Amino acid sequence: MSNVTKTAAPAAAGRAAAKKELPEHFKAYKHVWVFVELERGQVHPVSWELMGAGRRLADKLKVNLAAVVVGPEGQSTRNAALESFCYGADLAYFVSDNVLADYRNESYTKALTELVNIYKPEILLLGATTLGRDLAGSVATTLSTGLTADCTALDVDADGSLAATRPTFGGSLLCTIYTLNYRPQMATVRPRVMPMPERVERDAARIIVHPLGLVEDDIVTKVLSFLPDRDSETSNLAYADVVVAGGLGLGSPENFRLVRELATLLGAEYGCSRPLVQKGGLRLIGRSVRPARRSGQSSILRPVFPARSSTGWVSRGRI
């Protein structure tokens, strides 16, 4: 009879196996922060959507919800800080300086990383806008922490770790990502994903004013001029408020004129969401377009010559 030694099967790897003790210097990091995106005096609505999501996380963790307002000196920046309390903030961190009049990565990264290093949040949320994506990546890199981009759901687990869910593999799967051993836990969230919380009139509570300590000569990038999208003939930003799209049923390029006319009437942009028509050597091909909140953002149809095609000009709906 042979001696057989039985060994236990190895434990399955997973989220629990990856959990380690949080380093001591990160244990002081508390509270949930939402970056309030302020541009040209206007707060992007995704900031208030994130205040609602941040409020739920803060309540689960039994910590404060803080708004982070960074912008130029003036009433619009102060109003953004005051408005954050109407969307659930317990306190606001306020950085106001005229070098912040236009968004530039260097100045905004300095402001936000200084706030994080001094006041130590455990969760930092930003909108997945053009500005938010640029700033979040720079701040996460500077702080050597993790960032989950373009999230569609946020939660905290039993250990208090942020569970950030985002689409992957072209949207066919949802992946939940944890930043287990670093702080802050950062995430950007797409506009219109989180419900807009109800605005409740509240008096301002605690506002912490932080000096930037940066002069214009310290910033390499200079803003020479500003041209709103509505005054431009080309597409500069990623989304449009309203898109009128035509499909195969239009039957001819002449009928596509109706789409353009309706878009003009509505003050919208136009595009096509599928192969539209092929007639007389002209093909119109489009891609699905996604609306967003900001006014003045545009999409256009422009002719491009294909690398290999015998049908002539191809027009692609671009966003």
C-alpha atoms as a PDB file:
ATOM      1  CA  MET A   1       0.000   0.000   0.000  1.00  0.00           C
ATOM      2  CA  SER A   2       1.549   3.266  -1.113  1.00  0.00           C
ATOM      3  CA  ASN A   3       1.638   6.349   1.024  1.00  0.00           C
ATOM      4  CA  VAL A   4      -0.340   9.179  -0.576  1.00  0.00           C
ATOM      5  CA  THR A   5      -0.069  12.680   0.807  1.00  0.00           C
ATOM      6  CA  LYS A   6      -3.088  14.831   0.168  1.00  0.00           C
ATOM      7  CA  THR A   7      -2.587  18.560  -0.133  1.00  0.00           C
ATOM      8  CA  ALA A   8      -5.261  21.178   0.075  1.00  0.00           C
ATOM      9  CA  ALA A   9      -6.230  22.885  -3.144  1.00  0.00           C
ATOM     10  CA  PRO A  10      -4.849  26.406  -3.417  1.00  0.00           C
ATOM     11  CA  ALA A  11      -7.250  29.138  -2.448  1.00  0.00           C
ATOM     12  CA  ALA A  12      -8.853  30.904  -5.372  1.00  0.00           C
ATOM     13  CA  ALA A  13      -7.354  34.241  -6.132  1.00  0.00           C
ATOM     14  CA  GLY A  14      -9.735  37.134  -5.867  1.00  0.00           C
ATOM     15  CA  ARG A  15     -10.470  40.489  -4.389  1.00  0.00           C
ATOM     16  CA  ALA A  16     -10.191  39.213  -0.783  1.00  0.00           C
ATOM     17  CA  ALA A  17      -6.822  37.617  -1.468  1.00  0.00           C
ATOM     18  CA  ALA A  18      -5.511  40.889  -2.861  1.00  0.00           C
ATOM     19  CA  LYS A  19      -6.555  42.929   0.174  1.00  0.00           C
ATOM     20  CA  LYS A  20      -3.657  44.009   2.337  1.00  0.00           C
ATOM     21  CA  GLU A  21      -3.317  46.195   5.365  1.00  0.00           C
ATOM     22  CA  LEU A  22      -3.569  49.861   4.381  1.00  0.00           C
ATOM     23  CA  PRO A  23      -0.196  51.544   4.938  1.00  0.00           C
ATOM     24  CA  GLU A  24      -0.083  53.533   8.141  1.00  0.00           C
ATOM     25  CA  HIS A  25       0.406  56.906   6.465  1.00  0.00           C
ATOM     26  CA  PHE A  26      -2.828  56.431   4.479  1.00  0.00           C
ATOM     27  CA  LYS A  27      -5.012  55.694   7.513  1.00  0.00           C
ATOM     28  CA  ALA A  28      -5.465  59.409   8.185  1.00  0.00           C
ATOM     29  CA  TYR A  29      -7.196  59.866   4.808  1.00  0.00           C
ATOM     30  CA  LYS A  30     -10.925  60.423   5.384  1.00  0.00           C
ATOM     31  CA  HIS A  31     -13.971  61.931   3.697  1.00  0.00           C
ATOM     32  CA  VAL A  32     -15.352  62.024   0.160  1.00  0.00           C
ATOM     33  CA  TRP A  33     -14.470  64.869  -2.197  1.00  0.00           C
ATOM     34  CA  VAL A  34     -16.160  66.002  -5.408  1.00  0.00           C
ATOM     35  CA  PHE A  35     -14.314  68.313  -7.789  1.00  0.00           C
ATOM     36  CA  VAL A  36     -16.729  71.036  -8.936  1.00  0.00           C
ATOM     37  CA  GLU A  37     -15.891  71.733 -12.562  1.00  0.00           C
ATOM     38  CA  LEU A  38     -16.189  75.450 -13.175  1.00  0.00           C
ATOM     39  CA  GLU A  39     -15.467  76.865 -16.618  1.00  0.00           C
ATOM     40  CA  ARG A  40     -16.227  80.375 -17.856  1.00  0.00           C
ATOM     41  CA  GLY A  41     -18.365  80.978 -14.800  1.00  0.00           C
ATOM     42  CA  GLN A  42     -20.550  77.907 -15.390  1.00  0.00           C
ATOM     43  CA  VAL A  43     -20.598  74.733 -13.291  1.00  0.00           C
ATOM     44  CA  HIS A  44     -20.783  71.579 -15.379  1.00  0.00           C
ATOM     45  CA  PRO A  45     -23.950  69.660 -14.332  1.00  0.00           C
ATOM     46  CA  VAL A  46     -21.940  66.462 -13.841  1.00  0.00           C
ATOM     47  CA  SER A  47     -20.508  68.084 -10.704  1.00  0.00           C
ATOM     48  CA  TRP A  48     -23.929  68.193  -9.056  1.00  0.00           C
ATOM     49  CA  GLU A  49     -24.661  64.655 -10.236  1.00  0.00           C
ATOM     50  CA  LEU A  50     -21.455  63.587  -8.486  1.00  0.00           C
ATOM     51  CA  MET A  51     -22.515  65.407  -5.329  1.00  0.00           C
ATOM     52  CA  GLY A  52     -25.501  63.078  -5.165  1.00  0.00           C
ATOM     53  CA  ALA A  53     -23.321  60.012  -5.675  1.00  0.00           C
ATOM     54  CA  GLY A  54     -20.742  61.333  -3.214  1.00  0.00           C
ATOM     55  CA  ARG A  55     -23.437  61.921  -0.611  1.00  0.00           C
ATOM     56  CA  ARG A  56     -24.431  58.259  -0.732  1.00  0.00           C
ATOM     57  CA  LEU A  57     -20.822  57.121  -0.380  1.00  0.00           C
ATOM     58  CA  ALA A  58     -20.151  59.543   2.478  1.00  0.00           C
ATOM     59  CA  ASP A  59     -23.249  58.380   4.335  1.00  0.00           C
ATOM     60  CA  LYS A  60     -22.170  54.728   4.008  1.00  0.00           C
ATOM     61  CA  LEU A  61     -18.689  55.564   5.277  1.00  0.00           C
ATOM     62  CA  LYS A  62     -20.053  57.947   7.940  1.00  0.00           C
ATOM     63  CA  VAL A  63     -17.742  60.741   6.798  1.00  0.00           C
ATOM     64  CA  ASN A  64     -18.147  64.242   5.392  1.00  0.00           C
ATOM     65  CA  LEU A  65     -18.852  65.136   1.788  1.00  0.00           C
ATOM     66  CA  ALA A  66     -16.704  68.016   0.560  1.00  0.00           C
ATOM     67  CA  ALA A  67     -16.868  70.107  -2.603  1.00  0.00           C
ATOM     68  CA  VAL A  68     -13.612  71.292  -4.178  1.00  0.00           C
ATOM     69  CA  VAL A  69     -14.018  74.595  -6.014  1.00  0.00           C
ATOM     70  CA  VAL A  70     -11.067  75.888  -8.033  1.00  0.00           C
ATOM     71  CA  GLY A  71     -11.340  78.991 -10.196  1.00  0.00           C
ATOM     72  CA  PRO A  72     -10.613  82.666 -10.718  1.00  0.00           C
ATOM     73  CA  GLU A  73     -11.322  85.402  -8.238  1.00  0.00           C
ATOM     74  CA  GLY A  74     -14.868  86.671  -8.547  1.00  0.00           C
ATOM     75  CA  GLN A  75     -18.495  86.076  -7.735  1.00  0.00           C
ATOM     76  CA  SER A  76     -18.985  83.090 -10.041  1.00  0.00           C
ATOM     77  CA  THR A  77     -16.384  81.049  -8.156  1.00  0.00           C
ATOM     78  CA  ARG A  78     -17.863  82.038  -4.800  1.00  0.00           C
ATOM     79  CA  ASN A  79     -21.349  81.175  -6.055  1.00  0.00           C
ATOM     80  CA  ALA A  80     -20.161  77.700  -7.093  1.00  0.00           C
ATOM     81  CA  ALA A  81     -18.872  77.078  -3.565  1.00  0.00           C
ATOM     82  CA  LEU A  82     -22.110  78.332  -2.009  1.00  0.00           C
ATOM     83  CA  GLU A  83     -24.223  76.295  -4.431  1.00  0.00           C
ATOM     84  CA  SER A  84     -22.410  73.080  -3.482  1.00  0.00           C
ATOM     85  CA  PHE A  85     -24.095  73.173  -0.067  1.00  0.00           C
ATOM     86  CA  CYS A  86     -27.491  73.101  -1.784  1.00  0.00           C
ATOM     87  CA  TYR A  87     -26.464  69.767  -3.345  1.00  0.00           C
ATOM     88  CA  GLY A  88     -25.379  68.126  -0.116  1.00  0.00           C
ATOM     89  CA  ALA A  89     -21.850  69.303   0.693  1.00  0.00           C
ATOM     90  CA  ASP A  90     -20.871  69.414   4.375  1.00  0.00           C
ATOM     91  CA  LEU A  91     -17.909  71.682   3.646  1.00  0.00           C
ATOM     92  CA  ALA A  92     -16.093  73.206   0.690  1.00  0.00           C
ATOM     93  CA  TYR A  93     -12.427  73.645  -0.153  1.00  0.00           C
ATOM     94  CA  PHE A  94     -11.948  76.897  -2.027  1.00  0.00           C
ATOM     95  CA  VAL A  95      -8.992  77.950  -4.205  1.00  0.00           C
ATOM     96  CA  SER A  96      -9.457  81.285  -5.938  1.00  0.00           C
ATOM     97  CA  ASP A  97      -6.765  82.958  -8.036  1.00  0.00           C
ATOM     98  CA  ASN A  98      -6.786  84.833 -11.328  1.00  0.00           C
ATOM     99  CA  VAL A  99      -4.199  82.454 -12.821  1.00  0.00           C
ATOM    100  CA  LEU A 100      -7.052  79.905 -12.699  1.00  0.00           C
ATOM    101  CA  ALA A 101      -9.253  81.970 -15.024  1.00  0.00           C
ATOM    102  CA  ASP A 102      -8.660  79.456 -17.842  1.00  0.00           C
ATOM    103  CA  TYR A 103      -8.166  75.761 -17.338  1.00  0.00           C
ATOM    104  CA  ARG A 104      -4.523  74.777 -17.646  1.00  0.00           C
ATOM    105  CA  ASN A 105      -3.284  71.418 -16.483  1.00  0.00           C
ATOM    106  CA  GLU A 106      -0.295  72.748 -14.582  1.00  0.00           C
ATOM    107  CA  SER A 107      -2.109  75.279 -12.392  1.00  0.00           C
ATOM    108  CA  TYR A 108      -5.151  73.106 -11.677  1.00  0.00           C
ATOM    109  CA  THR A 109      -3.014  70.052 -10.906  1.00  0.00           C
ATOM    110  CA  LYS A 110      -0.985  72.065  -8.428  1.00  0.00           C
ATOM    111  CA  ALA A 111      -4.124  73.340  -6.694  1.00  0.00           C
ATOM    112  CA  LEU A 112      -5.787  69.935  -6.413  1.00  0.00           C
ATOM    113  CA  THR A 113      -2.702  67.946  -5.414  1.00  0.00           C
ATOM    114  CA  GLU A 114      -1.843  70.480  -2.706  1.00  0.00           C
ATOM    115  CA  LEU A 115      -5.353  70.178  -1.278  1.00  0.00           C
ATOM    116  CA  VAL A 116      -5.133  66.378  -1.294  1.00  0.00           C
ATOM    117  CA  ASN A 117      -1.716  66.302   0.371  1.00  0.00           C
ATOM    118  CA  ILE A 118      -2.784  68.713   3.110  1.00  0.00           C
ATOM    119  CA  TYR A 119      -6.378  67.650   3.840  1.00  0.00           C
ATOM    120  CA  LYS A 120      -6.184  63.940   2.847  1.00  0.00           C
ATOM    121  CA  PRO A 121      -9.466  62.680   1.310  1.00  0.00           C
ATOM    122  CA  GLU A 122     -10.043  58.939   0.951  1.00  0.00           C
ATOM    123  CA  ILE A 123     -12.185  59.277  -2.192  1.00  0.00           C
ATOM    124  CA  LEU A 124     -11.888  61.912  -4.935  1.00  0.00           C
ATOM    125  CA  LEU A 125     -14.484  62.071  -7.740  1.00  0.00           C
ATOM    126  CA  LEU A 126     -14.336  64.087 -10.958  1.00  0.00           C
ATOM    127  CA  GLY A 127     -16.551  64.278 -14.018  1.00  0.00           C
ATOM    128  CA  ALA A 128     -15.435  62.315 -17.068  1.00  0.00           C
ATOM    129  CA  THR A 129     -15.469  65.455 -19.200  1.00  0.00           C
ATOM    130  CA  THR A 130     -12.658  66.714 -21.400  1.00  0.00           C
ATOM    131  CA  LEU A 131     -11.398  68.846 -18.522  1.00  0.00           C
ATOM    132  CA  GLY A 132     -12.048  66.230 -15.834  1.00  0.00           C
ATOM    133  CA  ARG A 133     -10.283  63.420 -17.671  1.00  0.00           C
ATOM    134  CA  ASP A 134      -7.205  65.560 -18.284  1.00  0.00           C
ATOM    135  CA  LEU A 135      -7.037  66.794 -14.686  1.00  0.00           C
ATOM    136  CA  ALA A 136      -7.777  63.425 -13.063  1.00  0.00           C
ATOM    137  CA  GLY A 137      -5.018  61.634 -14.959  1.00  0.00           C
ATOM    138  CA  SER A 138      -2.471  64.291 -14.072  1.00  0.00           C
ATOM    139  CA  VAL A 139      -3.442  64.385 -10.395  1.00  0.00           C
ATOM    140  CA  ALA A 140      -3.450  60.579 -10.058  1.00  0.00           C
ATOM    141  CA  THR A 141      -0.016  60.397 -11.653  1.00  0.00           C
ATOM    142  CA  THR A 142       1.363  63.138  -9.410  1.00  0.00           C
ATOM    143  CA  LEU A 143      -0.042  61.453  -6.291  1.00  0.00           C
ATOM    144  CA  SER A 144       0.982  57.933  -7.447  1.00  0.00           C
ATOM    145  CA  THR A 145      -2.496  56.579  -6.798  1.00  0.00           C
ATOM    146  CA  GLY A 146      -5.045  54.613  -8.804  1.00  0.00           C
ATOM    147  CA  LEU A 147      -7.716  56.094 -11.075  1.00  0.00           C
ATOM    148  CA  THR A 148     -10.767  54.349 -12.534  1.00  0.00           C
ATOM    149  CA  ALA A 149     -11.990  56.260 -15.573  1.00  0.00           C
ATOM    150  CA  ASP A 150     -15.445  56.640 -17.121  1.00  0.00           C
ATOM    151  CA  CYS A 151     -17.320  54.920 -14.311  1.00  0.00           C
ATOM    152  CA  THR A 152     -21.023  54.156 -14.500  1.00  0.00           C
ATOM    153  CA  ALA A 153     -21.544  52.999 -10.876  1.00  0.00           C
ATOM    154  CA  LEU A 154     -19.917  53.695  -7.503  1.00  0.00           C
ATOM    155  CA  ASP A 155     -20.202  51.901  -4.169  1.00  0.00           C
ATOM    156  CA  VAL A 156     -18.150  50.981  -1.101  1.00  0.00           C
ATOM    157  CA  ASP A 157     -17.593  47.444   0.164  1.00  0.00           C
ATOM    158  CA  ALA A 158     -17.632  46.113   3.718  1.00  0.00           C
ATOM    159  CA  ASP A 159     -14.011  47.224   4.188  1.00  0.00           C
ATOM    160  CA  GLY A 160     -14.808  50.766   3.103  1.00  0.00           C
ATOM    161  CA  SER A 161     -12.965  50.457  -0.210  1.00  0.00           C
ATOM    162  CA  LEU A 162     -14.355  52.257  -3.247  1.00  0.00           C
ATOM    163  CA  ALA A 163     -15.874  49.882  -5.802  1.00  0.00           C
ATOM    164  CA  ALA A 164     -15.800  51.697  -9.144  1.00  0.00           C
ATOM    165  CA  THR A 165     -17.611  49.997 -12.021  1.00  0.00           C
ATOM    166  CA  ARG A 166     -16.976  50.809 -15.665  1.00  0.00           C
ATOM    167  CA  PRO A 167     -17.706  49.240 -19.070  1.00  0.00           C
ATOM    168  CA  THR A 168     -14.965  47.211 -20.716  1.00  0.00           C
ATOM    169  CA  PHE A 169     -14.496  45.198 -23.924  1.00  0.00           C
ATOM    170  CA  GLY A 170     -16.449  47.754 -25.900  1.00  0.00           C
ATOM    171  CA  GLY A 171     -19.254  47.889 -23.355  1.00  0.00           C
ATOM    172  CA  SER A 172     -20.033  44.175 -23.456  1.00  0.00           C
ATOM    173  CA  LEU A 173     -18.866  43.655 -19.859  1.00  0.00           C
ATOM    174  CA  LEU A 174     -18.846  45.652 -16.648  1.00  0.00           C
ATOM    175  CA  CYS A 175     -15.695  45.593 -14.532  1.00  0.00           C
ATOM    176  CA  THR A 176     -15.510  46.666 -10.876  1.00  0.00           C
ATOM    177  CA  ILE A 177     -12.129  48.060  -9.876  1.00  0.00           C
ATOM    178  CA  TYR A 178     -10.699  48.621  -6.390  1.00  0.00           C
ATOM    179  CA  THR A 179      -7.794  50.808  -5.336  1.00  0.00           C
ATOM    180  CA  LEU A 180      -6.949  48.825  -2.217  1.00  0.00           C
ATOM    181  CA  ASN A 181      -3.711  50.147  -0.808  1.00  0.00           C
ATOM    182  CA  TYR A 182      -3.432  53.723  -2.026  1.00  0.00           C
ATOM    183  CA  ARG A 183      -5.186  56.963  -1.246  1.00  0.00           C
ATOM    184  CA  PRO A 184      -7.074  58.833  -2.435  1.00  0.00           C
ATOM    185  CA  GLN A 185      -9.200  56.397  -4.391  1.00  0.00           C
ATOM    186  CA  MET A 186      -9.984  58.316  -7.582  1.00  0.00           C
ATOM    187  CA  ALA A 187     -12.685  57.902 -10.193  1.00  0.00           C
ATOM    188  CA  THR A 188     -14.172  59.871 -13.056  1.00  0.00           C
ATOM    189  CA  VAL A 189     -17.857  59.453 -13.858  1.00  0.00           C
ATOM    190  CA  ARG A 190     -19.582  60.043 -17.154  1.00  0.00           C
ATOM    191  CA  PRO A 191     -22.144  62.854 -17.401  1.00  0.00           C
ATOM    192  CA  ARG A 192     -25.802  61.857 -17.116  1.00  0.00           C
ATOM    193  CA  VAL A 193     -24.976  58.500 -15.567  1.00  0.00           C
ATOM    194  CA  MET A 194     -25.766  59.462 -11.980  1.00  0.00           C
ATOM    195  CA  PRO A 195     -29.195  60.957 -11.190  1.00  0.00           C
ATOM    196  CA  MET A 196     -29.281  64.666 -10.528  1.00  0.00           C
ATOM    197  CA  PRO A 197     -30.003  65.171  -6.798  1.00  0.00           C
ATOM    198  CA  GLU A 198     -32.754  67.491  -5.721  1.00  0.00           C
ATOM    199  CA  ARG A 199     -31.523  70.977  -4.981  1.00  0.00           C
ATOM    200  CA  VAL A 200     -32.378  72.019  -1.431  1.00  0.00           C
ATOM    201  CA  GLU A 201     -31.784  75.598  -0.344  1.00  0.00           C
ATOM    202  CA  ARG A 202     -29.185  75.606   2.448  1.00  0.00           C
ATOM    203  CA  ASP A 203     -26.974  78.162   4.086  1.00  0.00           C
ATOM    204  CA  ALA A 204     -23.247  77.891   3.575  1.00  0.00           C
ATOM    205  CA  ALA A 205     -21.448  75.820   6.178  1.00  0.00           C
ATOM    206  CA  ARG A 206     -17.685  75.516   6.537  1.00  0.00           C
ATOM    207  CA  ILE A 207     -15.521  76.875   3.707  1.00  0.00           C
ATOM    208  CA  ILE A 208     -11.762  76.263   3.834  1.00  0.00           C
ATOM    209  CA  VAL A 209      -9.830  78.819   1.762  1.00  0.00           C
ATOM    210  CA  HIS A 210      -6.481  77.622   0.424  1.00  0.00           C
ATOM    211  CA  PRO A 211      -3.990  80.008  -1.241  1.00  0.00           C
ATOM    212  CA  LEU A 212      -2.570  78.814  -4.546  1.00  0.00           C
ATOM    213  CA  GLY A 213       0.849  80.465  -4.291  1.00  0.00           C
ATOM    214  CA  LEU A 214       1.417  80.402  -8.061  1.00  0.00           C
ATOM    215  CA  VAL A 215       2.207  83.312 -10.377  1.00  0.00           C
ATOM    216  CA  GLU A 216       1.620  83.541 -14.107  1.00  0.00           C
ATOM    217  CA  ASP A 217       5.336  83.356 -14.914  1.00  0.00           C
ATOM    218  CA  ASP A 218       5.462  79.907 -13.271  1.00  0.00           C
ATOM    219  CA  ILE A 219       3.007  78.448 -15.812  1.00  0.00           C
ATOM    220  CA  VAL A 220       4.429  77.337 -19.151  1.00  0.00           C
ATOM    221  CA  THR A 221       1.117  77.181 -21.049  1.00  0.00           C
ATOM    222  CA  LYS A 222      -0.471  80.490 -22.061  1.00  0.00           C
ATOM    223  CA  VAL A 223      -4.040  81.068 -23.245  1.00  0.00           C
ATOM    224  CA  LEU A 224      -3.921  83.505 -26.173  1.00  0.00           C
ATOM    225  CA  SER A 225      -7.616  83.587 -27.041  1.00  0.00           C
ATOM    226  CA  PHE A 226     -10.878  81.730 -26.550  1.00  0.00           C
ATOM    227  CA  LEU A 227     -13.261  80.761 -29.349  1.00  0.00           C
ATOM    228  CA  PRO A 228     -16.584  79.191 -28.290  1.00  0.00           C
ATOM    229  CA  ASP A 229     -17.698  76.213 -30.339  1.00  0.00           C
ATOM    230  CA  ARG A 230     -20.829  78.022 -31.397  1.00  0.00           C
ATOM    231  CA  ASP A 231     -18.627  80.581 -33.207  1.00  0.00           C
ATOM    232  CA  SER A 232     -16.455  77.951 -34.886  1.00  0.00           C
ATOM    233  CA  GLU A 233     -17.038  76.181 -38.180  1.00  0.00           C
ATOM    234  CA  THR A 234     -15.230  73.037 -37.053  1.00  0.00           C
ATOM    235  CA  SER A 235     -15.906  70.422 -34.383  1.00  0.00           C
ATOM    236  CA  ASN A 236     -13.670  70.993 -31.366  1.00  0.00           C
ATOM    237  CA  LEU A 237     -15.364  69.125 -28.529  1.00  0.00           C
ATOM    238  CA  ALA A 238     -16.504  65.572 -28.162  1.00  0.00           C
ATOM    239  CA  TYR A 239     -20.264  65.917 -27.795  1.00  0.00           C
ATOM    240  CA  ALA A 240     -23.319  67.838 -28.951  1.00  0.00           C
ATOM    241  CA  ASP A 241     -26.455  68.716 -26.987  1.00  0.00           C
ATOM    242  CA  VAL A 242     -28.942  67.559 -29.638  1.00  0.00           C
ATOM    243  CA  VAL A 243     -28.240  65.521 -32.760  1.00  0.00           C
ATOM    244  CA  VAL A 244     -30.734  64.960 -35.582  1.00  0.00           C
ATOM    245  CA  ALA A 245     -29.769  61.698 -37.321  1.00  0.00           C
ATOM    246  CA  GLY A 246     -31.023  60.184 -40.568  1.00  0.00           C
ATOM    247  CA  GLY A 247     -30.977  56.563 -41.642  1.00  0.00           C
ATOM    248  CA  LEU A 248     -31.459  54.316 -44.646  1.00  0.00           C
ATOM    249  CA  GLY A 249     -35.127  55.214 -44.998  1.00  0.00           C
ATOM    250  CA  LEU A 250     -34.312  58.676 -46.350  1.00  0.00           C
ATOM    251  CA  GLY A 251     -33.415  57.027 -49.618  1.00  0.00           C
ATOM    252  CA  SER A 252     -31.324  59.749 -51.267  1.00  0.00           C
ATOM    253  CA  PRO A 253     -28.880  62.561 -50.571  1.00  0.00           C
ATOM    254  CA  GLU A 254     -31.615  65.010 -51.548  1.00  0.00           C
ATOM    255  CA  ASN A 255     -33.838  63.765 -48.725  1.00  0.00           C
ATOM    256  CA  PHE A 256     -30.990  64.112 -46.245  1.00  0.00           C
ATOM    257  CA  ARG A 257     -31.578  67.846 -46.708  1.00  0.00           C
ATOM    258  CA  LEU A 258     -34.613  67.415 -44.440  1.00  0.00           C
ATOM    259  CA  VAL A 259     -32.329  66.295 -41.605  1.00  0.00           C
ATOM    260  CA  ARG A 260     -30.164  69.372 -42.008  1.00  0.00           C
ATOM    261  CA  GLU A 261     -33.182  71.677 -42.136  1.00  0.00           C
ATOM    262  CA  LEU A 262     -34.667  70.176 -38.953  1.00  0.00           C
ATOM    263  CA  ALA A 263     -31.307  70.436 -37.180  1.00  0.00           C
ATOM    264  CA  THR A 264     -31.091  74.105 -38.148  1.00  0.00           C
ATOM    265  CA  LEU A 265     -34.621  74.725 -36.867  1.00  0.00           C
ATOM    266  CA  LEU A 266     -33.843  73.061 -33.524  1.00  0.00           C
ATOM    267  CA  GLY A 267     -30.411  74.634 -33.166  1.00  0.00           C
ATOM    268  CA  ALA A 268     -28.961  71.100 -33.199  1.00  0.00           C
ATOM    269  CA  GLU A 269     -26.255  69.192 -35.049  1.00  0.00           C
ATOM    270  CA  TYR A 270     -26.910  66.522 -37.674  1.00  0.00           C
ATOM    271  CA  GLY A 271     -25.437  63.157 -38.465  1.00  0.00           C
ATOM    272  CA  CYS A 272     -26.268  59.664 -39.640  1.00  0.00           C
ATOM    273  CA  SER A 273     -26.256  56.494 -37.587  1.00  0.00           C
ATOM    274  CA  ARG A 274     -25.940  53.846 -40.314  1.00  0.00           C
ATOM    275  CA  PRO A 275     -25.080  53.542 -44.025  1.00  0.00           C
ATOM    276  CA  LEU A 276     -27.503  56.006 -45.507  1.00  0.00           C
ATOM    277  CA  VAL A 277     -27.538  55.798 -49.270  1.00  0.00           C
ATOM    278  CA  GLN A 278     -25.402  54.972 -52.254  1.00  0.00           C
ATOM    279  CA  LYS A 279     -26.435  56.726 -55.401  1.00  0.00           C
ATOM    280  CA  GLY A 280     -24.580  58.294 -58.276  1.00  0.00           C
ATOM    281  CA  GLY A 281     -21.195  57.518 -56.809  1.00  0.00           C
ATOM    282  CA  LEU A 282     -21.952  59.247 -53.464  1.00  0.00           C
ATOM    283  CA  ARG A 283     -21.983  57.292 -50.229  1.00  0.00           C
ATOM    284  CA  LEU A 284     -22.891  58.720 -46.837  1.00  0.00           C
ATOM    285  CA  ILE A 285     -21.603  56.745 -43.878  1.00  0.00           C
ATOM    286  CA  GLY A 286     -22.130  57.742 -40.271  1.00  0.00           C
ATOM    287  CA  ARG A 287     -21.387  56.627 -36.766  1.00  0.00           C
ATOM    288  CA  SER A 288     -23.648  56.718 -33.744  1.00  0.00           C
ATOM    289  CA  VAL A 289     -23.435  59.970 -31.842  1.00  0.00           C
ATOM    290  CA  ARG A 290     -23.979  60.628 -28.145  1.00  0.00           C
ATOM    291  CA  PRO A 291     -25.536  63.818 -26.753  1.00  0.00           C
ATOM    292  CA  ALA A 292     -24.090  65.712 -23.799  1.00  0.00           C
ATOM    293  CA  ARG A 293     -25.098  68.700 -21.757  1.00  0.00           C
ATOM    294  CA  ARG A 294     -22.977  71.610 -22.838  1.00  0.00           C
ATOM    295  CA  SER A 295     -24.265  74.142 -25.300  1.00  0.00           C
ATOM    296  CA  GLY A 296     -22.151  75.128 -28.255  1.00  0.00           C
ATOM    297  CA  GLN A 297     -20.622  71.673 -28.677  1.00  0.00           C
ATOM    298  CA  SER A 298     -20.836  70.449 -32.218  1.00  0.00           C
ATOM    299  CA  SER A 299     -20.619  67.549 -34.603  1.00  0.00           C
ATOM    300  CA  ILE A 300     -20.234  67.852 -38.348  1.00  0.00           C
ATOM    301  CA  LEU A 301     -20.281  65.863 -41.552  1.00  0.00           C
ATOM    302  CA  ARG A 302     -17.108  66.400 -43.553  1.00  0.00           C
ATOM    303  CA  PRO A 303     -15.949  64.838 -46.845  1.00  0.00           C
ATOM    304  CA  VAL A 304     -12.828  62.684 -46.724  1.00  0.00           C
ATOM    305  CA  PHE A 305     -11.268  60.719 -49.538  1.00  0.00           C
ATOM    306  CA  PRO A 306     -10.983  56.995 -48.729  1.00  0.00           C
ATOM    307  CA  ALA A 307      -7.755  55.079 -49.178  1.00  0.00           C
ATOM    308  CA  ARG A 308      -9.410  52.385 -51.289  1.00  0.00           C
ATOM    309  CA  SER A 309     -12.741  53.169 -52.863  1.00  0.00           C
ATOM    310  CA  SER A 310     -14.156  53.288 -56.362  1.00  0.00           C
ATOM    311  CA  THR A 311     -17.339  55.076 -55.306  1.00  0.00           C
ATOM    312  CA  GLY A 312     -15.935  58.581 -54.978  1.00  0.00           C
ATOM    313  CA  TRP A 313     -16.342  60.789 -51.938  1.00  0.00           C
ATOM    314  CA  VAL A 314     -17.228  59.387 -48.545  1.00  0.00           C
ATOM    315  CA  SER A 315     -18.727  61.592 -45.847  1.00  0.00           C
ATOM    316  CA  ARG A 316     -18.431  60.375 -42.288  1.00  0.00           C
ATOM    317  CA  GLY A 317     -20.480  61.795 -39.450  1.00  0.00           C
ATOM    318  CA  ARG A 318     -17.889  62.850 -36.901  1.00  0.00           C
ATOM    319  CA  ILE A 319     -18.159  63.890 -33.307  1.00  0.00           C
END
